[in-house]
């Protein structure tokens, strides 16, 4: 009886940990971008590797609007859970990625629908506007 209860508690704890991990905004570097999203060195036509829609937030630590956008994207990630993935790319550290996506001003978000072409959204946007874009382009409930 005790073993069954312990196993049950461990199973529930593991599921909660997996669910929480799936709901976190993930910082990525150039190498991780090429592995998880798209390897622009080997492919010339867009081919998204992910299994769910994503948003890539190009930001810098010194950027005021980026600092205000960050908690909005974290809220969206929490609310939508495993339906989307939000990534963050520090443009000061990942200059190659910033160059590839022609990042000239930040914040800049790359919206990546699962089966459609990606698109860029520049500037600080209110949560409601971001959710409307997600609803319109990501085909999720």
C-alpha atoms as a PDB file:
ATOM      1  CA  UNK A   1       0.000   0.000   0.000  1.00  0.00           C
ATOM      2  CA  UNK A   2       2.761   2.433   0.956  1.00  0.00           C
ATOM      3  CA  UNK A   3       4.719   1.598  -2.211  1.00  0.00           C
ATOM      4  CA  UNK A   4       1.651   2.223  -4.383  1.00  0.00           C
ATOM      5  CA  UNK A   5       1.029   5.581  -2.751  1.00  0.00           C
ATOM      6  CA  UNK A   6       4.658   6.617  -3.151  1.00  0.00           C
ATOM      7  CA  UNK A   7       4.664   5.558  -6.804  1.00  0.00           C
ATOM      8  CA  UNK A   8       1.452   7.475  -7.410  1.00  0.00           C
ATOM      9  CA  UNK A   9       2.863  10.614  -5.809  1.00  0.00           C
ATOM     10  CA  UNK A  10       6.091  10.310  -7.825  1.00  0.00           C
ATOM     11  CA  UNK A  11       4.094   9.874 -11.043  1.00  0.00           C
ATOM     12  CA  UNK A  12       1.944  12.930 -10.349  1.00  0.00           C
ATOM     13  CA  UNK A  13       5.028  14.955  -9.426  1.00  0.00           C
ATOM     14  CA  UNK A  14       6.743  13.935 -12.664  1.00  0.00           C
ATOM     15  CA  UNK A  15       3.706  14.891 -14.743  1.00  0.00           C
ATOM     16  CA  UNK A  16       3.502  18.278 -13.027  1.00  0.00           C
ATOM     17  CA  UNK A  17       7.206  18.875 -13.640  1.00  0.00           C
ATOM     18  CA  UNK A  18       6.864  18.000 -17.321  1.00  0.00           C
ATOM     19  CA  UNK A  19       3.808  20.271 -17.669  1.00  0.00           C
ATOM     20  CA  UNK A  20       5.563  23.189 -15.961  1.00  0.00           C
ATOM     21  CA  UNK A  21       8.692  22.725 -18.085  1.00  0.00           C
ATOM     22  CA  UNK A  22       6.559  22.790 -21.241  1.00  0.00           C
ATOM     23  CA  UNK A  23       5.135  26.143 -20.193  1.00  0.00           C
ATOM     24  CA  UNK A  24       8.390  28.045 -19.827  1.00  0.00           C
ATOM     25  CA  UNK A  25       9.817  30.621 -22.162  1.00  0.00           C
ATOM     26  CA  UNK A  26      13.110  29.214 -23.441  1.00  0.00           C
ATOM     27  CA  UNK A  27      16.265  31.233 -24.111  1.00  0.00           C
ATOM     28  CA  UNK A  28      18.042  29.904 -27.170  1.00  0.00           C
ATOM     29  CA  UNK A  29      21.305  30.583 -28.935  1.00  0.00           C
ATOM     30  CA  UNK A  30      22.190  30.215 -32.610  1.00  0.00           C
ATOM     31  CA  UNK A  31      23.060  26.529 -32.304  1.00  0.00           C
ATOM     32  CA  UNK A  32      19.754  25.701 -30.566  1.00  0.00           C
ATOM     33  CA  UNK A  33      17.846  27.788 -33.135  1.00  0.00           C
ATOM     34  CA  UNK A  34      19.351  25.715 -35.946  1.00  0.00           C
ATOM     35  CA  UNK A  35      18.485  22.477 -34.136  1.00  0.00           C
ATOM     36  CA  UNK A  36      14.964  23.315 -32.924  1.00  0.00           C
ATOM     37  CA  UNK A  37      13.598  25.812 -35.422  1.00  0.00           C
ATOM     38  CA  UNK A  38      15.387  26.032 -38.765  1.00  0.00           C
ATOM     39  CA  UNK A  39      18.916  25.436 -40.008  1.00  0.00           C
ATOM     40  CA  UNK A  40      19.449  28.214 -42.505  1.00  0.00           C
ATOM     41  CA  UNK A  41      22.979  26.935 -43.260  1.00  0.00           C
ATOM     42  CA  UNK A  42      21.768  23.689 -44.806  1.00  0.00           C
ATOM     43  CA  UNK A  43      18.312  24.668 -46.091  1.00  0.00           C
ATOM     44  CA  UNK A  44      17.432  27.598 -48.313  1.00  0.00           C
ATOM     45  CA  UNK A  45      13.643  27.195 -48.138  1.00  0.00           C
ATOM     46  CA  UNK A  46      11.861  27.624 -44.795  1.00  0.00           C
ATOM     47  CA  UNK A  47      11.272  24.282 -43.062  1.00  0.00           C
ATOM     48  CA  UNK A  48      10.196  24.587 -39.433  1.00  0.00           C
ATOM     49  CA  UNK A  49      11.404  21.692 -37.277  1.00  0.00           C
ATOM     50  CA  UNK A  50       9.033  22.276 -34.347  1.00  0.00           C
ATOM     51  CA  UNK A  51       5.895  20.321 -33.574  1.00  0.00           C
ATOM     52  CA  UNK A  52       3.869  23.318 -32.345  1.00  0.00           C
ATOM     53  CA  UNK A  53       3.641  27.000 -33.264  1.00  0.00           C
ATOM     54  CA  UNK A  54       6.310  29.262 -31.819  1.00  0.00           C
ATOM     55  CA  UNK A  55       7.224  32.871 -31.213  1.00  0.00           C
ATOM     56  CA  UNK A  56      10.865  33.951 -31.213  1.00  0.00           C
ATOM     57  CA  UNK A  57      11.433  37.180 -29.305  1.00  0.00           C
ATOM     58  CA  UNK A  58      14.553  39.041 -30.445  1.00  0.00           C
ATOM     59  CA  UNK A  59      15.540  41.304 -27.555  1.00  0.00           C
ATOM     60  CA  UNK A  60      18.422  42.953 -25.675  1.00  0.00           C
ATOM     61  CA  UNK A  61      18.904  43.371 -21.934  1.00  0.00           C
ATOM     62  CA  UNK A  62      19.229  47.167 -22.228  1.00  0.00           C
ATOM     63  CA  UNK A  63      15.997  47.590 -24.256  1.00  0.00           C
ATOM     64  CA  UNK A  64      13.117  49.153 -22.276  1.00  0.00           C
ATOM     65  CA  UNK A  65      10.291  47.977 -24.569  1.00  0.00           C
ATOM     66  CA  UNK A  66      11.848  44.480 -24.562  1.00  0.00           C
ATOM     67  CA  UNK A  67      11.712  44.450 -20.763  1.00  0.00           C
ATOM     68  CA  UNK A  68       8.015  45.341 -20.881  1.00  0.00           C
ATOM     69  CA  UNK A  69       7.280  42.717 -23.548  1.00  0.00           C
ATOM     70  CA  UNK A  70       8.991  39.884 -21.690  1.00  0.00           C
ATOM     71  CA  UNK A  71       6.361  39.382 -18.943  1.00  0.00           C
ATOM     72  CA  UNK A  72       3.592  39.572 -21.565  1.00  0.00           C
ATOM     73  CA  UNK A  73       5.169  36.718 -23.511  1.00  0.00           C
ATOM     74  CA  UNK A  74       5.695  34.767 -20.284  1.00  0.00           C
ATOM     75  CA  UNK A  75       1.983  35.162 -19.456  1.00  0.00           C
ATOM     76  CA  UNK A  76       1.022  34.008 -22.940  1.00  0.00           C
ATOM     77  CA  UNK A  77       3.313  30.970 -22.625  1.00  0.00           C
ATOM     78  CA  UNK A  78       1.755  30.109 -19.258  1.00  0.00           C
ATOM     79  CA  UNK A  79      -1.809  30.548 -20.494  1.00  0.00           C
ATOM     80  CA  UNK A  80      -1.380  28.573 -23.704  1.00  0.00           C
ATOM     81  CA  UNK A  81       0.873  25.986 -22.078  1.00  0.00           C
ATOM     82  CA  UNK A  82       2.023  23.259 -24.403  1.00  0.00           C
ATOM     83  CA  UNK A  83       0.051  24.629 -27.392  1.00  0.00           C
ATOM     84  CA  UNK A  84       2.885  27.022 -28.330  1.00  0.00           C
ATOM     85  CA  UNK A  85       6.524  27.653 -27.477  1.00  0.00           C
ATOM     86  CA  UNK A  86       8.018  31.074 -26.857  1.00  0.00           C
ATOM     87  CA  UNK A  87      11.762  31.425 -27.414  1.00  0.00           C
ATOM     88  CA  UNK A  88      13.989  34.395 -26.580  1.00  0.00           C
ATOM     89  CA  UNK A  89      17.106  35.383 -28.510  1.00  0.00           C
ATOM     90  CA  UNK A  90      19.473  37.974 -27.056  1.00  0.00           C
ATOM     91  CA  UNK A  91      20.576  39.958 -30.109  1.00  0.00           C
ATOM     92  CA  UNK A  92      23.704  41.267 -28.367  1.00  0.00           C
ATOM     93  CA  UNK A  93      24.949  37.715 -27.819  1.00  0.00           C
ATOM     94  CA  UNK A  94      23.515  36.105 -30.960  1.00  0.00           C
ATOM     95  CA  UNK A  95      24.627  38.511 -33.651  1.00  0.00           C
ATOM     96  CA  UNK A  96      24.492  35.884 -36.397  1.00  0.00           C
ATOM     97  CA  UNK A  97      20.787  35.274 -35.796  1.00  0.00           C
ATOM     98  CA  UNK A  98      20.130  39.006 -35.608  1.00  0.00           C
ATOM     99  CA  UNK A  99      21.871  39.395 -38.964  1.00  0.00           C
ATOM    100  CA  UNK A 100      20.022  36.472 -40.603  1.00  0.00           C
ATOM    101  CA  UNK A 101      16.655  37.981 -39.639  1.00  0.00           C
ATOM    102  CA  UNK A 102      17.788  41.528 -40.418  1.00  0.00           C
ATOM    103  CA  UNK A 103      16.997  42.721 -36.911  1.00  0.00           C
ATOM    104  CA  UNK A 104      17.362  46.513 -37.004  1.00  0.00           C
ATOM    105  CA  UNK A 105      15.093  47.454 -34.126  1.00  0.00           C
ATOM    106  CA  UNK A 106      13.867  45.544 -31.118  1.00  0.00           C
ATOM    107  CA  UNK A 107      11.738  44.069 -29.831  1.00  0.00           C
ATOM    108  CA  UNK A 108      11.110  41.995 -32.925  1.00  0.00           C
ATOM    109  CA  UNK A 109       9.043  38.814 -32.820  1.00  0.00           C
ATOM    110  CA  UNK A 110       9.162  36.003 -35.339  1.00  0.00           C
ATOM    111  CA  UNK A 111       5.778  34.248 -35.379  1.00  0.00           C
ATOM    112  CA  UNK A 112       6.084  30.684 -36.630  1.00  0.00           C
ATOM    113  CA  UNK A 113       2.811  28.920 -37.444  1.00  0.00           C
ATOM    114  CA  UNK A 114       3.093  25.150 -37.680  1.00  0.00           C
ATOM    115  CA  UNK A 115       2.238  24.765 -41.370  1.00  0.00           C
ATOM    116  CA  UNK A 116       2.343  28.312 -42.748  1.00  0.00           C
ATOM    117  CA  UNK A 117       5.004  30.862 -43.551  1.00  0.00           C
ATOM    118  CA  UNK A 118       6.554  32.715 -40.601  1.00  0.00           C
ATOM    119  CA  UNK A 119       6.132  36.463 -40.239  1.00  0.00           C
ATOM    120  CA  UNK A 120       7.720  39.278 -38.241  1.00  0.00           C
ATOM    121  CA  UNK A 121       6.006  41.640 -35.814  1.00  0.00           C
ATOM    122  CA  UNK A 122       8.010  44.638 -34.618  1.00  0.00           C
ATOM    123  CA  UNK A 123       7.685  46.720 -31.507  1.00  0.00           C
ATOM    124  CA  UNK A 124       6.012  46.394 -28.157  1.00  0.00           C
ATOM    125  CA  UNK A 125       2.464  45.110 -28.579  1.00  0.00           C
ATOM    126  CA  UNK A 126      -0.280  44.719 -25.984  1.00  0.00           C
ATOM    127  CA  UNK A 127      -1.140  41.215 -24.868  1.00  0.00           C
ATOM    128  CA  UNK A 128      -4.574  41.359 -26.504  1.00  0.00           C
ATOM    129  CA  UNK A 129      -3.048  42.155 -29.886  1.00  0.00           C
ATOM    130  CA  UNK A 130      -0.522  39.301 -29.569  1.00  0.00           C
ATOM    131  CA  UNK A 131      -3.285  36.874 -28.590  1.00  0.00           C
ATOM    132  CA  UNK A 132      -5.328  38.006 -31.604  1.00  0.00           C
ATOM    133  CA  UNK A 133      -2.347  37.307 -33.902  1.00  0.00           C
ATOM    134  CA  UNK A 134      -1.882  33.900 -32.292  1.00  0.00           C
ATOM    135  CA  UNK A 135      -5.567  33.062 -32.706  1.00  0.00           C
ATOM    136  CA  UNK A 136      -5.575  34.226 -36.316  1.00  0.00           C
ATOM    137  CA  UNK A 137      -2.371  32.506 -37.476  1.00  0.00           C
ATOM    138  CA  UNK A 138      -1.678  29.570 -35.148  1.00  0.00           C
ATOM    139  CA  UNK A 139      -4.889  27.551 -35.497  1.00  0.00           C
ATOM    140  CA  UNK A 140      -5.129  26.788 -31.771  1.00  0.00           C
ATOM    141  CA  UNK A 141      -8.051  27.089 -29.391  1.00  0.00           C
END
